Amino acid sequence: MKTFVFDAARCNGCFNCQIACKDEHCGNDWMPYALPQPDMGHFWCKVDQFTHGQIPKVKLEYKVRMCNHCENPACMQAAPDAVYRRDDGLVVIDPAKAKGRKDLVDACPYGEIFWNAEAGVPQKCTGCAHLVDAGELPRCVDACPTGALRYVEEGEVEPGAKAIGLPADAGAAPRMRYVNVPGLFVSGDVWDKEANEIVEGARVTLTPQSGEALSTSTDDLGDFWFRNLEAGVYDLHVEHDGYQPQDMRGIKLDKSLNLGDFPLLKRQ
């Protein structure tokens, strides 16, 4: 049994996987697995880009979306005569048997089934079953230059890999796994207001309403970063020897935040 694994730490946003999927399926008939994919409107493999933070502290995150080839596919439950799961784990919509079944588009809780109006069939990622049958890799995996997207045996999946960004109560048990997906961050910079200079080595403590406090120090640019945070409410405390401390309370973190400047005044 195999599955797809996406490593966010390796993805550089080249979109090769998305382009390769189009190249493999647009204008190509891969029956009995898939009729040609329309030139527009379908993204059986799609790279989403997320922007975290605010200028000048901004980070980009990329995430690949495709059919999750679920353990309990909702599409197969909706149309067991037209959708099947192969022994290798790939879930396939039979183009001939699914003709006219537009309801399958809404059956997928993850929005990964598309309607081909011209052919009158629902379509999605097949895992490039036609290539896998020939002992080759799916095109999206083969086109990835950094190894961010892999197609591996389930036993080779890293511990801690998980399905993310999906309805928790869907019950479909999605099998695509993600690793090294960045969490939210909090950042800012500390400087001496009187000297108009950055403050290196200032101690910064971030305390969630529930959980243990996190600590760091400002770097040689006066910046501080707290990465891979969960959403929640936090309090921030900034201090340095010889300076009056600063506090920021009730920080609501539902997206990554650049908190901006923390000007410190020397003690009198």
Protein backbone atom coordinates (compact mmCIF):
# COMPACT_ATOMS: atom_id res chain seq x y z
CA MET A 1 0.00 0.00 0.00
CA LYS A 2 1.38 3.37 -1.01
CA THR A 3 0.55 6.98 -0.25
CA PHE A 4 1.56 10.52 -1.15
CA VAL A 5 3.67 12.55 1.28
CA PHE A 6 4.24 16.31 1.02
CA ASP A 7 7.18 17.91 2.88
CA ALA A 8 6.52 21.64 3.22
CA ALA A 9 10.11 22.30 4.26
CA ARG A 10 11.35 21.12 0.85
CA CYS A 11 8.80 22.92 -1.34
CA ASN A 12 10.09 26.07 -3.05
CA GLY A 13 6.87 26.94 -4.87
CA CYS A 14 8.06 26.07 -8.36
CA PHE A 15 4.58 24.71 -9.31
CA ASN A 16 6.22 21.92 -11.35
CA CYS A 17 3.82 19.33 -9.91
CA GLN A 18 0.76 21.37 -10.87
CA ILE A 19 2.08 22.00 -14.39
CA ALA A 20 3.14 18.36 -14.85
CA CYS A 21 -0.35 17.16 -13.90
CA LYS A 22 -1.85 19.40 -16.57
CA ASP A 23 0.69 18.23 -19.13
CA GLU A 24 -0.01 14.58 -18.37
CA HIS A 25 -3.80 14.75 -18.47
CA CYS A 26 -4.90 17.65 -20.69
CA GLY A 27 -5.55 16.28 -24.18
CA ASN A 28 -4.57 12.73 -23.18
CA ASP A 29 -7.00 9.83 -22.84
CA TRP A 30 -5.88 7.41 -20.13
CA MET A 31 -8.84 5.06 -20.12
CA PRO A 32 -9.95 3.12 -18.21
CA TYR A 33 -8.70 5.52 -15.52
CA ALA A 34 -9.42 8.97 -16.93
CA LEU A 35 -10.72 10.86 -19.90
CA PRO A 36 -8.75 13.97 -20.89
CA GLN A 37 -8.69 16.73 -18.30
CA PRO A 38 -10.16 20.06 -19.49
CA ASP A 39 -7.63 22.78 -20.21
CA MET A 40 -9.20 25.09 -17.66
CA GLY A 41 -11.08 24.80 -14.37
CA HIS A 42 -9.56 21.53 -13.15
CA PHE A 43 -6.63 21.25 -10.76
CA TRP A 44 -6.15 17.59 -9.89
CA CYS A 45 -2.86 18.67 -8.32
CA LYS A 46 -2.76 22.23 -7.00
CA VAL A 47 -0.17 24.27 -5.13
CA ASP A 48 -1.64 26.74 -2.65
CA GLN A 49 0.47 29.68 -1.50
CA PHE A 50 0.00 31.22 1.94
CA THR A 51 1.53 34.49 3.16
CA HIS A 52 2.37 34.68 6.85
CA GLY A 53 3.06 37.89 8.72
CA GLN A 54 3.20 41.50 7.69
CA ILE A 55 5.91 43.60 6.02
CA PRO A 56 8.81 43.49 6.65
CA LYS A 57 8.55 40.12 8.44
CA VAL A 58 6.85 37.89 5.88
CA LYS A 59 7.19 34.17 5.20
CA LEU A 60 5.67 32.18 2.36
CA GLU A 61 4.27 28.67 2.74
CA TYR A 62 3.33 26.28 -0.05
CA LYS A 63 1.00 23.33 0.24
CA VAL A 64 0.03 20.75 -2.37
CA ARG A 65 -3.60 19.63 -2.59
CA MET A 66 -4.93 16.64 -4.47
CA CYS A 67 -7.21 13.68 -3.95
CA ASN A 68 -6.42 12.17 -0.55
CA HIS A 69 -7.12 8.61 -1.80
CA CYS A 70 -9.02 8.06 1.43
CA GLU A 71 -9.30 4.90 3.44
CA ASN A 72 -13.09 5.33 3.48
CA PRO A 73 -13.77 7.45 0.39
CA ALA A 74 -17.00 9.45 0.56
CA CYS A 75 -17.18 9.34 -3.23
CA MET A 76 -17.09 5.54 -3.20
CA GLN A 77 -19.83 5.43 -0.57
CA ALA A 78 -21.94 7.70 -2.78
CA ALA A 79 -21.36 5.62 -5.90
CA PRO A 80 -19.93 2.18 -5.09
CA ASP A 81 -20.71 1.03 -8.61
CA ALA A 82 -18.63 3.82 -10.19
CA VAL A 83 -15.77 4.41 -7.74
CA TYR A 84 -13.29 1.81 -6.57
CA ARG A 85 -10.16 1.55 -4.45
CA ARG A 86 -7.23 -0.38 -5.86
CA ASP A 87 -5.04 -2.74 -3.88
CA ASP A 88 -2.25 -0.14 -3.95
CA GLY A 89 -4.58 2.42 -2.31
CA LEU A 90 -5.38 4.61 -5.30
CA VAL A 91 -9.04 5.62 -5.51
CA VAL A 92 -10.34 5.79 -9.08
CA ILE A 93 -13.58 7.12 -10.55
CA ASP A 94 -14.48 4.89 -13.49
CA PRO A 95 -15.22 7.36 -16.32
CA ALA A 96 -17.63 5.00 -18.08
CA LYS A 97 -19.65 4.03 -15.01
CA ALA A 98 -19.65 7.54 -13.49
CA LYS A 99 -21.01 9.31 -16.57
CA GLY A 100 -23.67 11.81 -15.54
CA ARG A 101 -22.85 11.51 -11.82
CA LYS A 102 -22.38 15.22 -11.10
CA ASP A 103 -23.44 14.54 -7.51
CA LEU A 104 -19.99 13.06 -6.88
CA VAL A 105 -18.50 16.56 -7.01
CA ASP A 106 -20.36 17.46 -3.82
CA ALA A 107 -19.77 14.05 -2.27
CA CYS A 108 -16.08 14.80 -1.72
CA PRO A 109 -15.67 16.63 1.64
CA TYR A 110 -12.31 18.04 0.48
CA GLY A 111 -13.42 19.59 -2.81
CA GLU A 112 -11.07 17.48 -4.91
CA ILE A 113 -13.58 16.18 -7.49
CA PHE A 114 -14.28 18.31 -10.57
CA TRP A 115 -17.04 18.23 -13.17
CA ASN A 116 -16.10 17.84 -16.83
CA ALA A 117 -19.15 19.40 -18.49
CA GLU A 118 -18.10 18.49 -22.02
CA ALA A 119 -17.59 14.80 -21.26
CA GLY A 120 -20.32 14.67 -18.61
CA VAL A 121 -18.13 12.95 -16.02
CA PRO A 122 -16.74 13.72 -12.55
CA GLN A 123 -12.92 13.70 -12.50
CA LYS A 124 -10.02 13.87 -10.06
CA CYS A 125 -6.45 12.78 -9.46
CA THR A 126 -5.98 9.11 -10.34
CA GLY A 127 -2.49 8.97 -8.84
CA CYS A 128 -1.45 8.54 -12.47
CA ALA A 129 -2.57 4.91 -12.21
CA HIS A 130 -1.61 4.37 -15.86
CA LEU A 131 2.01 5.27 -15.02
CA VAL A 132 2.04 3.32 -11.77
CA ASP A 133 0.85 0.24 -13.68
CA ALA A 134 3.92 0.65 -15.90
CA GLY A 135 6.25 0.82 -12.87
CA GLU A 136 6.70 4.59 -13.10
CA LEU A 137 6.11 7.41 -10.62
CA PRO A 138 3.07 9.70 -10.77
CA ARG A 139 3.96 12.71 -12.93
CA CYS A 140 3.65 15.23 -10.09
CA VAL A 141 6.17 13.27 -8.00
CA ASP A 142 8.54 12.73 -10.90
CA ALA A 143 8.47 16.46 -11.70
CA CYS A 144 9.28 17.62 -8.17
CA PRO A 145 12.94 18.82 -8.19
CA THR A 146 13.33 19.04 -4.41
CA GLY A 147 11.74 15.79 -3.23
CA ALA A 148 8.94 17.71 -1.52
CA LEU A 149 6.32 15.40 -3.04
CA ARG A 150 6.83 11.65 -2.73
CA TYR A 151 4.89 8.46 -3.45
CA VAL A 152 6.04 5.87 -0.93
CA GLU A 153 5.09 2.74 0.93
CA GLU A 154 3.09 3.53 4.05
CA GLY A 155 5.88 2.09 6.18
CA GLU A 156 8.25 4.75 4.82
CA VAL A 157 6.12 7.68 6.00
CA GLU A 158 7.83 9.75 8.70
CA PRO A 159 6.51 9.57 12.27
CA GLY A 160 4.36 12.60 12.95
CA ALA A 161 3.18 12.94 9.35
CA LYS A 162 -0.51 13.77 9.31
CA ALA A 163 -3.49 14.87 7.30
CA ILE A 164 -4.03 18.61 7.73
CA GLY A 165 -6.47 21.34 6.84
CA LEU A 166 -9.27 18.83 6.34
CA PRO A 167 -12.69 18.39 7.97
CA ALA A 168 -12.09 16.50 11.16
CA ASP A 169 -15.50 14.84 11.13
CA ALA A 170 -15.58 13.76 7.50
CA GLY A 171 -14.88 10.14 8.46
CA ALA A 172 -13.15 9.48 5.15
CA ALA A 173 -9.73 8.86 6.75
CA PRO A 174 -7.60 10.75 4.18
CA ARG A 175 -4.31 9.00 3.43
CA MET A 176 -2.23 11.82 1.96
CA ARG A 177 0.27 12.93 4.60
CA TYR A 178 2.03 16.22 5.32
CA VAL A 179 5.25 16.86 7.22
CA ASN A 180 7.11 19.98 8.38
CA VAL A 181 4.12 22.22 7.87
CA PRO A 182 4.94 25.53 9.58
CA GLY A 183 2.70 26.82 12.33
CA LEU A 184 2.00 30.47 13.06
CA PHE A 185 4.69 32.89 14.16
CA VAL A 186 5.03 36.00 16.31
CA SER A 187 7.84 38.44 15.59
CA GLY A 188 8.98 41.96 16.38
CA ASP A 189 12.06 44.06 16.99
CA VAL A 190 13.51 45.81 20.01
CA TRP A 191 15.49 49.05 20.00
CA ASP A 192 16.88 51.76 22.25
CA LYS A 193 14.61 54.77 21.80
CA GLU A 194 17.14 57.32 23.03
CA ALA A 195 20.18 56.01 21.16
CA ASN A 196 18.11 55.04 18.12
CA GLU A 197 19.97 51.71 18.00
CA ILE A 198 18.76 48.12 18.01
CA VAL A 199 18.98 46.16 21.25
CA GLU A 200 20.69 42.82 20.88
CA GLY A 201 20.19 40.12 23.49
CA ALA A 202 16.93 41.47 24.91
CA ARG A 203 14.98 38.70 26.63
CA VAL A 204 11.53 38.08 25.16
CA THR A 205 8.96 35.79 26.77
CA LEU A 206 5.74 34.67 25.11
CA THR A 207 3.19 33.07 27.40
CA PRO A 208 0.03 31.34 26.11
CA GLN A 209 -3.13 31.38 28.20
CA SER A 210 -2.68 27.64 28.57
CA GLY A 211 0.70 25.98 28.38
CA GLU A 212 4.31 26.78 29.14
CA ALA A 213 6.04 30.10 28.48
CA LEU A 214 8.42 30.34 25.54
CA SER A 215 11.60 32.41 25.66
CA THR A 216 14.05 33.80 23.12
CA SER A 217 16.50 36.69 22.70
CA THR A 218 16.76 39.39 20.06
CA ASP A 219 19.39 38.76 17.39
CA ASP A 220 22.05 41.07 15.96
CA LEU A 221 19.32 42.96 14.09
CA GLY A 222 17.22 43.42 17.21
CA ASP A 223 14.63 40.95 15.89
CA PHE A 224 12.86 38.19 17.78
CA TRP A 225 10.87 35.24 16.39
CA PHE A 226 8.59 32.62 17.91
CA ARG A 227 7.76 29.97 15.31
CA ASN A 228 5.42 27.00 14.95
CA LEU A 229 2.82 28.37 17.32
CA GLU A 230 -0.75 27.23 17.78
CA ALA A 231 -3.62 29.68 17.47
CA GLY A 232 -4.60 31.20 20.80
CA VAL A 233 -4.17 34.18 23.10
CA TYR A 234 -0.69 35.14 24.30
CA ASP A 235 1.08 37.68 26.52
CA LEU A 236 4.48 39.11 25.59
CA HIS A 237 7.17 40.44 27.93
CA VAL A 238 10.36 42.22 26.78
CA GLU A 239 13.24 43.04 29.13
CA HIS A 240 16.92 43.90 29.09
CA ASP A 241 19.34 44.92 31.83
CA GLY A 242 19.28 48.65 32.38
CA TYR A 243 16.00 49.20 30.55
CA GLN A 244 12.37 49.50 31.57
CA PRO A 245 10.49 46.34 30.50
CA GLN A 246 7.60 46.34 28.07
CA ASP A 247 4.50 44.15 28.00
CA MET A 248 1.85 43.39 25.41
CA ARG A 249 -1.11 41.38 26.69
CA GLY A 250 -4.01 39.61 25.07
CA ILE A 251 -2.40 39.00 21.69
CA LYS A 252 -5.00 37.10 19.62
CA LEU A 253 -3.10 34.80 17.31
CA ASP A 254 -5.19 33.40 14.48
CA LYS A 255 -2.64 34.34 11.81
CA SER A 256 1.09 35.03 11.93
CA LEU A 257 1.87 38.45 13.38
CA ASN A 258 4.66 40.98 13.13
CA LEU A 259 4.09 42.96 16.34
CA GLY A 260 6.34 45.75 15.18
CA ASP A 261 8.67 47.91 17.28
CA PHE A 262 9.33 47.65 20.99
CA PRO A 263 11.27 50.83 21.94
CA LEU A 264 12.98 50.48 25.32
CA LEU A 265 13.77 53.36 27.66
CA LYS A 266 16.75 53.22 29.99
CA ARG A 267 16.04 53.15 33.69
CA GLN A 268 16.52 56.45 35.48
